[in-house]
Amino acid sequence: MSRRLVEKELETSSKTYSRKEGCWNYIPAGMAEEEEITPQKIIGDIGYRSKKEEAAFLLGEEGTEVAVNPFKAKLGYGQKVLGYIPCEEEDGGVIYVRVIGKSWGKILIPLVILLALIAGGLWWYFAQNRGPDLDDSAMAYQMPGGLKNEDPSQIMLPGFGTIDMEAGQRTVHAALSNPEGNPCYFKYTVSLQEGGDVLYESGWLEPGTAVTKWEIAEELEPGDYPISLLVDTGSLDDYQQEMNKGTINATLHVE
């Protein structure tokens, strides 16, 4: 027959274990050594469900009883000892019911790690699939004469001859375009052929758009400057997948 345990009154206690059957004061786990509480003095545990036969019953209010599980030498993951409820023995001695609670740190840390991995995976996925950083100054643009690429297996590059700009200025009025019908994004890098100094770099341009006004990195004295317009390409399906690039030679005429 299971033993009925009666709580021994504590003079001072700041901890209480409560359930619908009653409330019991307990000695905090950190005071176990000070109170000389050893495993031999512990009759069993409460605070979790067990399929094993109860070791005893802890008496509550108005004759209610709470089943005390057999003492478990090794706690489960996510469990921790909260404290010890002292109970009176018939011979005047004291035995203890161990109070088991949840170790939220052990429970939450894996959850936080899992959420961080999920968030990192989502960030990576969207970063890889969000598309390129399009040039903010790009606008819809139609090639002269309505010219467009009719063959999606090919890439159409615009032609340049002489590009005019005013001396004492850095703004160039000329369309750096990506012809409609191209299967890729364009990105322009304009450089001086002599010395290789980069004058301008665009962002990515969608087919059917262009940057029609752009600023070079430095003012140039009046004269003619041979320039190269390097066109980098990126597939519309994945802009990081480079397609055939091209270089267009032209003259920047400053007067």
Foldseek 3Di string as FASTA:
>chain_A
DAAEWEFDDDPDAPDWDDDPQAIFGFDFPVCCVVVVADPVQEQAEDADDDPDAFNHWYAHPPRDTDGGHGHDPDDDQQKDWGGWTWTADPVRDTGTYTYMYGPVVRVVVVVVVVVVVVVVVVVVVCVQQVDFDAFPQKDFDADPPNDADPDQVDADADAAAEFEDEAPFFKGFAKRARAASHQWWKKKWKAFPVPGHTFDTTTIHDHRMTRRMDGGPDGDDADKTKMKIKIWIAGPRGGVDTDDIDIYIYIYGYD
